[in-house]
Amino acid sequence: MRYFEPIFHLLYLSAVFYMSLKMLFSKKNNRLEKLFGAMGFILGAGDSFHLFPRIYALLTDGLEAHAAALGRGKFVTSITVTIFYVVLFRIWELRFNKKENKTLRLIVEVLAAARIILSLLPQNDWTNYYAPVSWGIYRNIPFTILGALIVYLILKEAIYHKDGVFKNIGIGVIISFACYLPVVLWATTNRLVGMLMIPKTLAYLWVVYLGYKEARYK
């Protein structure tokens, strides 16, 4: 694991940034492609704040010795992954022409703001390697509701319109949450649970790839 995990993280970040930048700097005037590119770049940039300190820690003197850097990275990732879902909601609006629903947009923005505000509170104790699990739960309540709402919206429209790509995106988000929530609850007491972050990361990579393939080659 000492070498496998760093290699895995570097390959993941390389793939995410490659696809995202290709979409962002595409010469095509395709708003959906630009949104997918922005979404992927936000994901990769946020994860970099956590994964590069993690790679360094794994290759040197261990994770606990770098608790502060890892905690700050988790904090940044907490913010950026929330923005990731807001952008994914915007993509859903554009894909299925749902921009007129201002109430739904407000709900998404309130849930995202609640998650970010909870993440900013000092009680999270981000730089403590054994940060309180309770605050991990609190800040993930609005985040989980946000994710569940977006999954519902995506799958509902994808099934109705027989849109296989967005159906798979919805499934990818479900997989990511199914792997992420056990880590929030039990990773501090059972380190093996932390291994679920690998399929969770692959699920996010799959979502970005689906967007890349759809936007670039349609």
N, C-alpha and C. Protein backbone atom coordinates (compact mmCIF):
# COMPACT_ATOMS: atom_id res chain seq x y z
N MET A 1 0.82 -1.21 0.00
CA MET A 1 0.00 0.00 0.00
C MET A 1 0.85 1.25 0.00
N ARG A 2 2.06 1.15 0.55
CA ARG A 2 2.89 2.35 0.63
C ARG A 2 3.13 2.93 -0.76
N TYR A 3 3.28 2.07 -1.76
CA TYR A 3 3.55 2.56 -3.11
C TYR A 3 2.31 2.51 -4.00
N PHE A 4 1.44 1.53 -3.78
CA PHE A 4 0.25 1.41 -4.62
C PHE A 4 -0.63 2.65 -4.49
N GLU A 5 -0.89 3.10 -3.27
CA GLU A 5 -1.80 4.22 -3.08
C GLU A 5 -1.28 5.50 -3.71
N PRO A 6 0.00 5.88 -3.51
CA PRO A 6 0.49 7.09 -4.19
C PRO A 6 0.39 7.00 -5.71
N ILE A 7 0.72 5.83 -6.28
CA ILE A 7 0.62 5.67 -7.73
C ILE A 7 -0.83 5.82 -8.18
N PHE A 8 -1.74 5.21 -7.42
CA PHE A 8 -3.16 5.30 -7.74
C PHE A 8 -3.62 6.76 -7.74
N HIS A 9 -3.25 7.50 -6.70
CA HIS A 9 -3.67 8.91 -6.60
C HIS A 9 -3.11 9.74 -7.75
N LEU A 10 -1.86 9.52 -8.11
CA LEU A 10 -1.26 10.29 -9.20
C LEU A 10 -1.92 9.98 -10.54
N LEU A 11 -2.23 8.71 -10.76
CA LEU A 11 -2.92 8.34 -12.00
C LEU A 11 -4.32 8.95 -12.05
N TYR A 12 -5.00 8.92 -10.90
CA TYR A 12 -6.34 9.51 -10.82
C TYR A 12 -6.31 11.00 -11.13
N LEU A 13 -5.41 11.73 -10.48
CA LEU A 13 -5.33 13.18 -10.70
C LEU A 13 -4.93 13.49 -12.14
N SER A 14 -3.99 12.72 -12.68
CA SER A 14 -3.56 12.95 -14.06
C SER A 14 -4.73 12.77 -15.02
N ALA A 15 -5.52 11.71 -14.82
CA ALA A 15 -6.65 11.44 -15.70
C ALA A 15 -7.72 12.52 -15.59
N VAL A 16 -8.02 12.94 -14.36
CA VAL A 16 -9.05 13.96 -14.15
C VAL A 16 -8.63 15.29 -14.77
N PHE A 17 -7.38 15.69 -14.53
CA PHE A 17 -6.93 16.97 -15.09
C PHE A 17 -6.83 16.91 -16.62
N TYR A 18 -6.40 15.78 -17.15
CA TYR A 18 -6.30 15.65 -18.61
C TYR A 18 -7.67 15.85 -19.25
N MET A 19 -8.67 15.11 -18.78
CA MET A 19 -10.00 15.21 -19.36
C MET A 19 -10.61 16.59 -19.14
N SER A 20 -10.43 17.12 -17.95
CA SER A 20 -11.03 18.42 -17.62
C SER A 20 -10.44 19.54 -18.47
N LEU A 21 -9.13 19.54 -18.60
CA LEU A 21 -8.48 20.61 -19.38
C LEU A 21 -8.80 20.48 -20.86
N LYS A 22 -8.90 19.25 -21.35
CA LYS A 22 -9.29 19.06 -22.75
C LYS A 22 -10.67 19.65 -23.02
N MET A 23 -11.59 19.48 -22.06
CA MET A 23 -12.93 20.04 -22.23
C MET A 23 -12.93 21.55 -22.06
N LEU A 24 -12.21 22.05 -21.07
CA LEU A 24 -12.20 23.49 -20.82
C LEU A 24 -11.60 24.27 -21.98
N PHE A 25 -10.56 23.71 -22.60
CA PHE A 25 -9.86 24.45 -23.66
C PHE A 25 -10.24 23.97 -25.06
N SER A 26 -11.33 23.22 -25.14
CA SER A 26 -11.83 22.82 -26.44
C SER A 26 -12.26 24.04 -27.25
N LYS A 27 -12.06 24.00 -28.53
CA LYS A 27 -12.44 25.11 -29.39
C LYS A 27 -13.93 25.09 -29.73
N LYS A 28 -14.60 24.00 -29.40
CA LYS A 28 -16.03 23.93 -29.67
C LYS A 28 -16.79 24.84 -28.70
N ASN A 29 -17.81 25.49 -29.21
CA ASN A 29 -18.64 26.34 -28.35
C ASN A 29 -19.78 25.50 -27.77
N ASN A 30 -19.40 24.64 -26.82
CA ASN A 30 -20.33 23.68 -26.23
C ASN A 30 -20.39 23.93 -24.72
N ARG A 31 -21.48 24.54 -24.27
CA ARG A 31 -21.58 24.91 -22.86
C ARG A 31 -21.58 23.69 -21.96
N LEU A 32 -22.20 22.61 -22.40
CA LEU A 32 -22.22 21.39 -21.60
C LEU A 32 -20.80 20.85 -21.40
N GLU A 33 -20.01 20.90 -22.44
CA GLU A 33 -18.62 20.46 -22.35
C GLU A 33 -17.83 21.32 -21.37
N LYS A 34 -18.04 22.64 -21.42
CA LYS A 34 -17.32 23.54 -20.51
C LYS A 34 -17.71 23.27 -19.06
N LEU A 35 -19.01 23.01 -18.82
CA LEU A 35 -19.45 22.73 -17.46
C LEU A 35 -18.87 21.41 -16.95
N PHE A 36 -18.84 20.40 -17.80
CA PHE A 36 -18.21 19.14 -17.40
C PHE A 36 -16.72 19.35 -17.12
N GLY A 37 -16.07 20.16 -17.95
CA GLY A 37 -14.67 20.46 -17.72
C GLY A 37 -14.43 21.18 -16.40
N ALA A 38 -15.28 22.17 -16.12
CA ALA A 38 -15.16 22.91 -14.86
C ALA A 38 -15.42 21.99 -13.67
N MET A 39 -16.42 21.14 -13.79
CA MET A 39 -16.74 20.21 -12.71
C MET A 39 -15.56 19.28 -12.41
N GLY A 40 -14.98 18.72 -13.47
CA GLY A 40 -13.84 17.83 -13.28
C GLY A 40 -12.63 18.54 -12.72
N PHE A 41 -12.38 19.77 -13.19
CA PHE A 41 -11.21 20.52 -12.70
C PHE A 41 -11.38 20.87 -11.22
N ILE A 42 -12.58 21.28 -10.84
CA ILE A 42 -12.85 21.58 -9.42
C ILE A 42 -12.61 20.35 -8.57
N LEU A 43 -13.06 19.20 -9.05
CA LEU A 43 -12.85 17.95 -8.32
C LEU A 43 -11.36 17.66 -8.16
N GLY A 44 -10.62 17.71 -9.27
CA GLY A 44 -9.19 17.41 -9.21
C GLY A 44 -8.40 18.41 -8.39
N ALA A 45 -8.71 19.70 -8.54
CA ALA A 45 -8.00 20.73 -7.78
C ALA A 45 -8.22 20.57 -6.29
N GLY A 46 -9.48 20.32 -5.90
CA GLY A 46 -9.77 20.13 -4.48
C GLY A 46 -9.10 18.90 -3.93
N ASP A 47 -9.17 17.79 -4.66
CA ASP A 47 -8.55 16.55 -4.19
C ASP A 47 -7.03 16.68 -4.07
N SER A 48 -6.43 17.52 -4.92
CA SER A 48 -4.98 17.70 -4.87
C SER A 48 -4.51 18.22 -3.51
N PHE A 49 -5.32 19.08 -2.88
CA PHE A 49 -4.94 19.64 -1.58
C PHE A 49 -4.85 18.55 -0.51
N HIS A 50 -5.60 17.49 -0.69
CA HIS A 50 -5.55 16.39 0.27
C HIS A 50 -4.60 15.27 -0.18
N LEU A 51 -4.62 14.97 -1.47
CA LEU A 51 -3.88 13.80 -1.94
C LEU A 51 -2.37 14.01 -1.99
N PHE A 52 -1.90 15.20 -2.34
CA PHE A 52 -0.45 15.41 -2.37
C PHE A 52 0.16 15.32 -0.97
N PRO A 53 -0.44 15.94 0.07
CA PRO A 53 0.09 15.70 1.42
C PRO A 53 0.00 14.23 1.83
N ARG A 54 -1.05 13.54 1.39
CA ARG A 54 -1.20 12.12 1.72
C ARG A 54 -0.10 11.28 1.05
N ILE A 55 0.18 11.59 -0.21
CA ILE A 55 1.25 10.88 -0.91
C ILE A 55 2.58 11.09 -0.20
N TYR A 56 2.85 12.34 0.16
CA TYR A 56 4.11 12.65 0.85
C TYR A 56 4.18 11.91 2.19
N ALA A 57 3.08 11.91 2.92
CA ALA A 57 3.06 11.24 4.24
C ALA A 57 3.28 9.75 4.10
N LEU A 58 2.64 9.14 3.12
CA LEU A 58 2.78 7.69 2.92
C LEU A 58 4.20 7.30 2.55
N LEU A 59 4.89 8.18 1.84
CA LEU A 59 6.24 7.86 1.39
C LEU A 59 7.32 8.29 2.39
N THR A 60 6.91 8.96 3.47
CA THR A 60 7.91 9.41 4.46
C THR A 60 7.61 8.81 5.84
N ASP A 61 7.13 9.64 6.76
CA ASP A 61 7.01 9.17 8.15
C ASP A 61 5.58 8.93 8.61
N GLY A 62 4.67 8.71 7.70
CA GLY A 62 3.33 8.28 8.09
C GLY A 62 2.30 9.39 8.16
N LEU A 63 1.04 8.98 8.17
CA LEU A 63 -0.08 9.92 8.11
C LEU A 63 -0.22 10.78 9.36
N GLU A 64 -0.06 10.17 10.53
CA GLU A 64 -0.27 10.92 11.78
C GLU A 64 0.73 12.07 11.92
N ALA A 65 1.92 11.90 11.38
CA ALA A 65 2.95 12.95 11.48
C ALA A 65 2.58 14.17 10.63
N HIS A 66 1.64 14.02 9.74
CA HIS A 66 1.25 15.12 8.85
C HIS A 66 -0.24 15.41 8.99
N ALA A 67 -0.74 15.27 10.19
CA ALA A 67 -2.17 15.44 10.45
C ALA A 67 -2.68 16.82 10.06
N ALA A 68 -1.90 17.86 10.33
CA ALA A 68 -2.35 19.22 10.04
C ALA A 68 -2.52 19.44 8.55
N ALA A 69 -1.52 19.03 7.75
CA ALA A 69 -1.60 19.20 6.30
C ALA A 69 -2.74 18.37 5.71
N LEU A 70 -2.89 17.15 6.21
CA LEU A 70 -3.97 16.30 5.72
C LEU A 70 -5.33 16.88 6.08
N GLY A 71 -5.44 17.42 7.28
CA GLY A 71 -6.70 18.01 7.72
C GLY A 71 -7.08 19.23 6.91
N ARG A 72 -6.09 20.07 6.64
CA ARG A 72 -6.37 21.25 5.81
C ARG A 72 -6.79 20.82 4.40
N GLY A 73 -6.16 19.76 3.90
CA GLY A 73 -6.53 19.24 2.60
C GLY A 73 -7.95 18.70 2.58
N LYS A 74 -8.33 18.00 3.65
CA LYS A 74 -9.71 17.50 3.75
C LYS A 74 -10.71 18.64 3.79
N PHE A 75 -10.33 19.71 4.48
CA PHE A 75 -11.21 20.88 4.56
C PHE A 75 -11.45 21.47 3.17
N VAL A 76 -10.38 21.66 2.40
CA VAL A 76 -10.52 22.20 1.05
C VAL A 76 -11.37 21.27 0.19
N THR A 77 -11.11 19.97 0.30
CA THR A 77 -11.88 18.99 -0.47
C THR A 77 -13.35 19.02 -0.10
N SER A 78 -13.63 19.24 1.19
CA SER A 78 -15.02 19.33 1.64
C SER A 78 -15.76 20.45 0.94
N ILE A 79 -15.06 21.56 0.71
CA ILE A 79 -15.67 22.70 0.03
C ILE A 79 -15.81 22.42 -1.47
N THR A 80 -14.73 21.96 -2.09
CA THR A 80 -14.74 21.82 -3.54
C THR A 80 -15.67 20.71 -4.02
N VAL A 81 -15.78 19.62 -3.26
CA VAL A 81 -16.67 18.55 -3.70
C VAL A 81 -18.13 19.00 -3.61
N THR A 82 -18.41 19.92 -2.68
CA THR A 82 -19.75 20.50 -2.61
C THR A 82 -20.04 21.32 -3.85
N ILE A 83 -19.06 22.13 -4.28
CA ILE A 83 -19.21 22.93 -5.50
C ILE A 83 -19.35 22.00 -6.71
N PHE A 84 -18.64 20.87 -6.69
CA PHE A 84 -18.75 19.86 -7.74
C PHE A 84 -20.22 19.48 -7.97
N TYR A 85 -20.96 19.26 -6.87
CA TYR A 85 -22.35 18.85 -7.01
C TYR A 85 -23.25 20.00 -7.46
N VAL A 86 -22.91 21.22 -7.09
CA VAL A 86 -23.66 22.37 -7.59
C VAL A 86 -23.50 22.48 -9.10
N VAL A 87 -22.27 22.28 -9.58
CA VAL A 87 -22.04 22.31 -11.03
C VAL A 87 -22.76 21.15 -11.71
N LEU A 88 -22.76 19.97 -11.08
CA LEU A 88 -23.48 18.83 -11.65
C LEU A 88 -24.97 19.12 -11.75
N PHE A 89 -25.50 19.85 -10.78
CA PHE A 89 -26.91 20.27 -10.86
C PHE A 89 -27.12 21.21 -12.04
N ARG A 90 -26.19 22.12 -12.26
CA ARG A 90 -26.28 23.03 -13.41
C ARG A 90 -26.25 22.23 -14.73
N ILE A 91 -25.43 21.20 -14.75
CA ILE A 91 -25.37 20.33 -15.93
C ILE A 91 -26.71 19.65 -16.16
N TRP A 92 -27.32 19.17 -15.09
CA TRP A 92 -28.66 18.56 -15.18
C TRP A 92 -29.67 19.56 -15.74
N GLU A 93 -29.61 20.81 -15.23
CA GLU A 93 -30.52 21.85 -15.75
C GLU A 93 -30.35 22.04 -17.25
N LEU A 94 -29.11 22.11 -17.68
CA LEU A 94 -28.84 22.36 -19.10
C LEU A 94 -29.22 21.16 -19.96
N ARG A 95 -28.87 19.99 -19.49
CA ARG A 95 -29.13 18.77 -20.27
C ARG A 95 -30.62 18.56 -20.52
N PHE A 96 -31.41 18.80 -19.48
CA PHE A 96 -32.83 18.49 -19.58
C PHE A 96 -33.72 19.74 -19.60
N ASN A 97 -33.09 20.89 -19.85
CA ASN A 97 -33.81 22.17 -20.00
C ASN A 97 -34.73 22.44 -18.80
N LYS A 98 -34.12 22.45 -17.59
CA LYS A 98 -34.89 22.62 -16.36
C LYS A 98 -34.56 23.93 -15.64
N LYS A 99 -34.02 24.90 -16.36
CA LYS A 99 -33.52 26.11 -15.70
C LYS A 99 -34.61 27.02 -15.13
N GLU A 100 -35.86 26.75 -15.46
CA GLU A 100 -36.93 27.63 -14.99
C GLU A 100 -37.34 27.35 -13.54
N ASN A 101 -36.87 26.25 -12.96
CA ASN A 101 -37.28 25.87 -11.60
C ASN A 101 -36.40 26.57 -10.57
N LYS A 102 -36.78 27.78 -10.19
CA LYS A 102 -35.98 28.58 -9.26
C LYS A 102 -36.03 28.04 -7.84
N THR A 103 -37.15 27.41 -7.47
CA THR A 103 -37.26 26.85 -6.12
C THR A 103 -36.27 25.71 -5.93
N LEU A 104 -36.18 24.85 -6.91
CA LEU A 104 -35.25 23.73 -6.84
C LEU A 104 -33.81 24.22 -6.79
N ARG A 105 -33.51 25.24 -7.57
CA ARG A 105 -32.16 25.81 -7.54
C ARG A 105 -31.85 26.38 -6.16
N LEU A 106 -32.83 27.04 -5.54
CA LEU A 106 -32.63 27.60 -4.21
C LEU A 106 -32.36 26.50 -3.19
N ILE A 107 -33.08 25.40 -3.28
CA ILE A 107 -32.88 24.28 -2.36
C ILE A 107 -31.45 23.75 -2.47
N VAL A 108 -30.98 23.58 -3.70
CA VAL A 108 -29.61 23.10 -3.93
C VAL A 108 -28.60 24.08 -3.34
N GLU A 109 -28.82 25.36 -3.55
CA GLU A 109 -27.88 26.37 -3.05
C GLU A 109 -27.88 26.43 -1.53
N VAL A 110 -29.05 26.29 -0.90
CA VAL A 110 -29.13 26.30 0.56
C VAL A 110 -28.42 25.08 1.15
N LEU A 111 -28.62 23.91 0.57
CA LEU A 111 -27.95 22.70 1.05
C LEU A 111 -26.44 22.81 0.90
N ALA A 112 -25.99 23.35 -0.23
CA ALA A 112 -24.55 23.53 -0.45
C ALA A 112 -23.98 24.54 0.55
N ALA A 113 -24.70 25.64 0.77
CA ALA A 113 -24.24 26.66 1.72
C ALA A 113 -24.18 26.09 3.14
N ALA A 114 -25.17 25.28 3.50
CA ALA A 114 -25.19 24.67 4.84
C ALA A 114 -23.98 23.77 5.03
N ARG A 115 -23.67 22.98 4.03
CA ARG A 115 -22.50 22.10 4.10
C ARG A 115 -21.21 22.92 4.26
N ILE A 116 -21.07 23.99 3.48
CA ILE A 116 -19.85 24.80 3.54
C ILE A 116 -19.74 25.51 4.89
N ILE A 117 -20.85 26.07 5.37
CA ILE A 117 -20.83 26.75 6.67
C ILE A 117 -20.45 25.78 7.79
N LEU A 118 -21.04 24.59 7.78
CA LEU A 118 -20.71 23.59 8.80
C LEU A 118 -19.24 23.18 8.71
N SER A 119 -18.71 23.12 7.49
CA SER A 119 -17.30 22.76 7.32
C SER A 119 -16.36 23.83 7.84
N LEU A 120 -16.83 25.09 7.85
CA LEU A 120 -15.99 26.21 8.30
C LEU A 120 -15.91 26.32 9.81
N LEU A 121 -16.81 25.70 10.54
CA LEU A 121 -16.85 25.86 12.00
C LEU A 121 -15.64 25.20 12.66
N PRO A 122 -15.08 25.85 13.69
CA PRO A 122 -13.86 25.33 14.33
C PRO A 122 -14.05 23.99 15.02
N GLN A 123 -15.29 23.64 15.37
CA GLN A 123 -15.54 22.37 16.04
C GLN A 123 -15.15 21.16 15.20
N ASN A 124 -14.97 21.36 13.90
CA ASN A 124 -14.54 20.25 13.04
C ASN A 124 -13.13 19.77 13.40
N ASP A 125 -12.32 20.68 13.96
CA ASP A 125 -10.96 20.35 14.38
C ASP A 125 -10.20 19.61 13.27
N TRP A 126 -10.18 20.22 12.11
CA TRP A 126 -9.64 19.58 10.92
C TRP A 126 -8.20 19.08 11.07
N THR A 127 -7.38 19.81 11.79
CA THR A 127 -5.95 19.46 11.85
C THR A 127 -5.64 18.37 12.88
N ASN A 128 -6.66 17.90 13.57
CA ASN A 128 -6.49 16.79 14.50
C ASN A 128 -6.67 15.47 13.74
N TYR A 129 -5.70 14.58 13.84
CA TYR A 129 -5.79 13.30 13.12
C TYR A 129 -7.03 12.52 13.55
N TYR A 130 -7.40 12.67 14.82
CA TYR A 130 -8.59 12.01 15.34
C TYR A 130 -9.69 13.05 15.56
N ALA A 131 -10.02 13.75 14.49
CA ALA A 131 -11.07 14.78 14.56
C ALA A 131 -12.40 14.14 14.95
N PRO A 132 -13.28 14.90 15.62
CA PRO A 132 -14.53 14.32 16.12
C PRO A 132 -15.41 13.77 15.00
N VAL A 133 -15.82 12.53 15.16
CA VAL A 133 -16.69 11.88 14.18
C VAL A 133 -18.04 12.59 14.11
N SER A 134 -18.49 13.10 15.26
CA SER A 134 -19.81 13.75 15.31
C SER A 134 -19.90 14.89 14.31
N TRP A 135 -18.81 15.70 14.21
CA TRP A 135 -18.86 16.82 13.28
C TRP A 135 -18.70 16.36 11.83
N GLY A 136 -18.06 15.23 11.65
CA GLY A 136 -18.05 14.64 10.32
C GLY A 136 -19.46 14.27 9.88
N ILE A 137 -20.26 13.82 10.83
CA ILE A 137 -21.66 13.47 10.54
C ILE A 137 -22.48 14.73 10.29
N TYR A 138 -22.31 15.74 11.15
CA TYR A 138 -23.11 16.97 11.02
C TYR A 138 -22.93 17.61 9.65
N ARG A 139 -21.68 17.78 9.23
CA ARG A 139 -21.43 18.49 7.96
C ARG A 139 -21.84 17.65 6.76
N ASN A 140 -21.97 16.34 6.96
CA ASN A 140 -22.35 15.48 5.84
C ASN A 140 -23.85 15.27 5.73
N ILE A 141 -24.62 15.76 6.69
CA ILE A 141 -26.09 15.64 6.58
C ILE A 141 -26.61 16.43 5.38
N PRO A 142 -26.34 17.76 5.29
CA PRO A 142 -26.82 18.49 4.10
C PRO A 142 -26.16 18.00 2.82
N PHE A 143 -24.93 17.55 2.92
CA PHE A 143 -24.21 17.05 1.74
C PHE A 143 -24.87 15.79 1.20
N THR A 144 -25.26 14.89 2.10
CA THR A 144 -25.92 13.65 1.68
C THR A 144 -27.29 13.93 1.09
N ILE A 145 -28.01 14.87 1.70
CA ILE A 145 -29.32 15.25 1.15
C ILE A 145 -29.15 15.84 -0.24
N LEU A 146 -28.12 16.69 -0.40
CA LEU A 146 -27.83 17.28 -1.71
C LEU A 146 -27.53 16.20 -2.74
N GLY A 147 -26.68 15.25 -2.37
CA GLY A 147 -26.34 14.17 -3.28
C GLY A 147 -27.54 13.33 -3.65
N ALA A 148 -28.38 13.00 -2.64
CA ALA A 148 -29.57 12.19 -2.89
C ALA A 148 -30.54 12.92 -3.82
N LEU A 149 -30.69 14.22 -3.62
CA LEU A 149 -31.57 15.02 -4.47
C LEU A 149 -31.09 15.02 -5.91
N ILE A 150 -29.80 15.22 -6.10
CA ILE A 150 -29.25 15.27 -7.45
C ILE A 150 -29.34 13.90 -8.13
N VAL A 151 -29.09 12.84 -7.37
CA VAL A 151 -29.24 11.49 -7.94
C VAL A 151 -30.68 11.27 -8.39
N TYR A 152 -31.64 11.65 -7.55
CA TYR A 152 -33.05 11.49 -7.88
C TYR A 152 -33.39 12.25 -9.16
N LEU A 153 -32.95 13.50 -9.24
CA LEU A 153 -33.25 14.33 -10.41
C LEU A 153 -32.63 13.75 -11.68
N ILE A 154 -31.38 13.34 -11.58
CA ILE A 154 -30.69 12.80 -12.75
C ILE A 154 -31.34 11.50 -13.22
N LEU A 155 -31.58 10.57 -12.29
CA LEU A 155 -32.14 9.29 -12.69
C LEU A 155 -33.58 9.42 -13.20
N LYS A 156 -34.34 10.30 -12.58
CA LYS A 156 -35.73 10.50 -13.03
C LYS A 156 -35.76 10.94 -14.49
N GLU A 157 -34.97 11.97 -14.83
CA GLU A 157 -34.97 12.48 -16.21
C GLU A 157 -34.28 11.51 -17.16
N ALA A 158 -33.21 10.86 -16.69
CA ALA A 158 -32.47 9.94 -17.55
C ALA A 158 -33.33 8.74 -17.94
N ILE A 159 -34.09 8.23 -16.99
CA ILE A 159 -34.97 7.09 -17.28
C ILE A 159 -36.11 7.53 -18.21
N TYR A 160 -36.67 8.70 -17.93
CA TYR A 160 -37.78 9.20 -18.76
C TYR A 160 -37.34 9.44 -20.21
N HIS A 161 -36.15 10.01 -20.37
CA HIS A 161 -35.66 10.35 -21.71
C HIS A 161 -34.79 9.24 -22.31
N LYS A 162 -34.67 8.11 -21.60
CA LYS A 162 -33.83 7.00 -22.06
C LYS A 162 -32.40 7.47 -22.35
N ASP A 163 -31.87 8.24 -21.40
CA ASP A 163 -30.52 8.82 -21.52
C ASP A 163 -29.55 7.93 -20.74
N GLY A 164 -28.88 7.02 -21.44
CA GLY A 164 -28.00 6.06 -20.78
C GLY A 164 -26.80 6.69 -20.11
N VAL A 165 -26.26 7.75 -20.70
CA VAL A 165 -25.08 8.40 -20.13
C VAL A 165 -25.41 8.99 -18.76
N PHE A 166 -26.51 9.72 -18.67
CA PHE A 166 -26.84 10.36 -17.40
C PHE A 166 -27.38 9.35 -16.39
N LYS A 167 -27.95 8.27 -16.86
CA LYS A 167 -28.31 7.19 -15.93
C LYS A 167 -27.05 6.63 -15.27
N ASN A 168 -25.99 6.45 -16.04
CA ASN A 168 -24.73 5.97 -15.48
C ASN A 168 -24.08 7.00 -14.56
N ILE A 169 -24.23 8.28 -14.88
CA ILE A 169 -23.72 9.32 -13.99
C ILE A 169 -24.42 9.24 -12.64
N GLY A 170 -25.74 9.06 -12.65
CA GLY A 170 -26.48 8.90 -11.41
C GLY A 170 -26.01 7.70 -10.62
N ILE A 171 -25.75 6.58 -11.31
CA ILE A 171 -25.25 5.37 -10.65
C ILE A 171 -23.87 5.62 -10.06
N GLY A 172 -23.03 6.36 -10.79
CA GLY A 172 -21.70 6.70 -10.29
C GLY A 172 -21.76 7.50 -9.00
N VAL A 173 -22.69 8.44 -8.93
CA VAL A 173 -22.84 9.24 -7.71
C VAL A 173 -23.32 8.36 -6.55
N ILE A 174 -24.23 7.44 -6.83
CA ILE A 174 -24.70 6.50 -5.79
C ILE A 174 -23.53 5.68 -5.24
N ILE A 175 -22.70 5.17 -6.14
CA ILE A 175 -21.54 4.37 -5.71
C ILE A 175 -20.60 5.21 -4.84
N SER A 176 -20.38 6.46 -5.25
CA SER A 176 -19.46 7.32 -4.50
C SER A 176 -19.96 7.55 -3.08
N PHE A 177 -21.26 7.80 -2.91
CA PHE A 177 -21.80 8.00 -1.57
C PHE A 177 -21.83 6.71 -0.77
N ALA A 178 -22.13 5.59 -1.44
CA ALA A 178 -22.17 4.30 -0.75
C ALA A 178 -20.80 3.94 -0.17
N CYS A 179 -19.75 4.39 -0.84
CA CYS A 179 -18.38 4.14 -0.35
C CYS A 179 -17.92 5.20 0.64
N TYR A 180 -18.39 6.42 0.47
CA TYR A 180 -17.92 7.55 1.29
C TYR A 180 -18.52 7.55 2.69
N LEU A 181 -19.82 7.30 2.81
CA LEU A 181 -20.47 7.42 4.11
C LEU A 181 -19.93 6.44 5.16
N PRO A 182 -19.64 5.17 4.83
CA PRO A 182 -19.01 4.30 5.83
C PRO A 182 -17.66 4.81 6.32
N VAL A 183 -16.92 5.49 5.43
CA VAL A 183 -15.63 6.07 5.82
C VAL A 183 -15.83 7.16 6.86
N VAL A 184 -16.84 8.00 6.64
CA VAL A 184 -17.16 9.07 7.60
C VAL A 184 -17.46 8.48 8.98
N LEU A 185 -18.21 7.39 9.00
CA LEU A 185 -18.69 6.82 10.26
C LEU A 185 -17.66 5.96 10.97
N TRP A 186 -16.87 5.19 10.22
CA TRP A 186 -16.07 4.14 10.88
C TRP A 186 -14.59 4.12 10.55
N ALA A 187 -14.11 5.00 9.67
CA ALA A 187 -12.70 4.91 9.27
C ALA A 187 -11.74 5.16 10.41
N THR A 188 -12.12 5.97 11.41
CA THR A 188 -11.21 6.25 12.52
C THR A 188 -11.05 5.06 13.45
N THR A 189 -12.03 4.17 13.49
CA THR A 189 -11.95 2.99 14.37
C THR A 189 -11.55 1.73 13.62
N ASN A 190 -11.72 1.72 12.30
CA ASN A 190 -11.35 0.56 11.49
C ASN A 190 -10.69 1.06 10.21
N ARG A 191 -9.39 0.97 10.16
CA ARG A 191 -8.64 1.55 9.04
C ARG A 191 -8.96 0.86 7.71
N LEU A 192 -9.40 -0.40 7.76
CA LEU A 192 -9.73 -1.09 6.52
C LEU A 192 -10.92 -0.44 5.81
N VAL A 193 -11.80 0.19 6.60
CA VAL A 193 -12.94 0.88 5.99
C VAL A 193 -12.46 1.99 5.07
N GLY A 194 -11.33 2.58 5.41
CA GLY A 194 -10.76 3.64 4.59
C GLY A 194 -10.45 3.19 3.16
N MET A 195 -10.31 1.87 2.95
CA MET A 195 -10.06 1.36 1.60
C MET A 195 -11.22 1.65 0.65
N LEU A 196 -12.40 1.94 1.22
CA LEU A 196 -13.55 2.28 0.37
C LEU A 196 -13.34 3.58 -0.41
N MET A 197 -12.35 4.36 0.01
CA MET A 197 -12.08 5.60 -0.73
C MET A 197 -11.55 5.31 -2.14
N ILE A 198 -11.02 4.11 -2.36
CA ILE A 198 -10.54 3.76 -3.70
C ILE A 198 -11.70 3.60 -4.67
N PRO A 199 -12.71 2.74 -4.38
CA PRO A 199 -13.86 2.69 -5.31
C PRO A 199 -14.62 4.01 -5.37
N LYS A 200 -14.64 4.76 -4.26
CA LYS A 200 -15.29 6.08 -4.29
C LYS A 200 -14.59 6.99 -5.28
N THR A 201 -13.25 6.99 -5.27
CA THR A 201 -12.48 7.80 -6.20
C THR A 201 -12.71 7.35 -7.64
N LEU A 202 -12.75 6.04 -7.85
CA LEU A 202 -13.00 5.50 -9.20
C LEU A 202 -14.39 5.89 -9.70
N ALA A 203 -15.36 5.96 -8.78
CA ALA A 203 -16.71 6.37 -9.16
C ALA A 203 -16.70 7.82 -9.66
N TYR A 204 -15.98 8.70 -8.96
CA TYR A 204 -15.87 10.08 -9.41
C TYR A 204 -15.16 10.18 -10.76
N LEU A 205 -14.11 9.38 -10.91
CA LEU A 205 -13.37 9.36 -12.17
C LEU A 205 -14.29 8.91 -13.31
N TRP A 206 -15.13 7.93 -13.04
CA TRP A 206 -16.08 7.44 -14.03
C TRP A 206 -17.08 8.53 -14.43
N VAL A 207 -17.56 9.29 -13.45
CA VAL A 207 -18.50 10.38 -13.74
C VAL A 207 -17.85 11.40 -14.66
N VAL A 208 -16.61 11.77 -14.35
CA VAL A 208 -15.91 12.74 -15.20
C VAL A 208 -15.69 12.16 -16.60
N TYR A 209 -15.33 10.87 -16.66
CA TYR A 209 -15.11 10.23 -17.96
C TYR A 209 -16.39 10.20 -18.79
N LEU A 210 -17.51 9.89 -18.15
CA LEU A 210 -18.79 9.87 -18.87
C LEU A 210 -19.10 11.24 -19.46
N GLY A 211 -18.86 12.29 -18.67
CA GLY A 211 -19.06 13.64 -19.18
C GLY A 211 -18.11 13.97 -20.31
N TYR A 212 -16.86 13.56 -20.15
CA TYR A 212 -15.84 13.81 -21.18
C TYR A 212 -16.21 13.12 -22.49
N LYS A 213 -16.59 11.85 -22.38
CA LYS A 213 -16.94 11.08 -23.58
C LYS A 213 -18.19 11.66 -24.26
N GLU A 214 -19.17 12.05 -23.45
CA GLU A 214 -20.42 12.57 -24.00
C GLU A 214 -20.22 13.94 -24.64
N ALA A 215 -19.51 14.83 -23.93
CA ALA A 215 -19.37 16.21 -24.41
C ALA A 215 -18.37 16.33 -25.56
N ARG A 216 -17.33 15.52 -25.52
CA ARG A 216 -16.28 15.63 -26.53
C ARG A 216 -16.64 15.00 -27.86
N TYR A 217 -17.41 13.93 -27.80
CA TYR A 217 -17.62 13.14 -29.02
C TYR A 217 -19.05 13.12 -29.51
N LYS A 218 -19.85 14.07 -29.04
CA LYS A 218 -21.23 14.20 -29.52
C LYS A 218 -21.37 15.46 -30.35
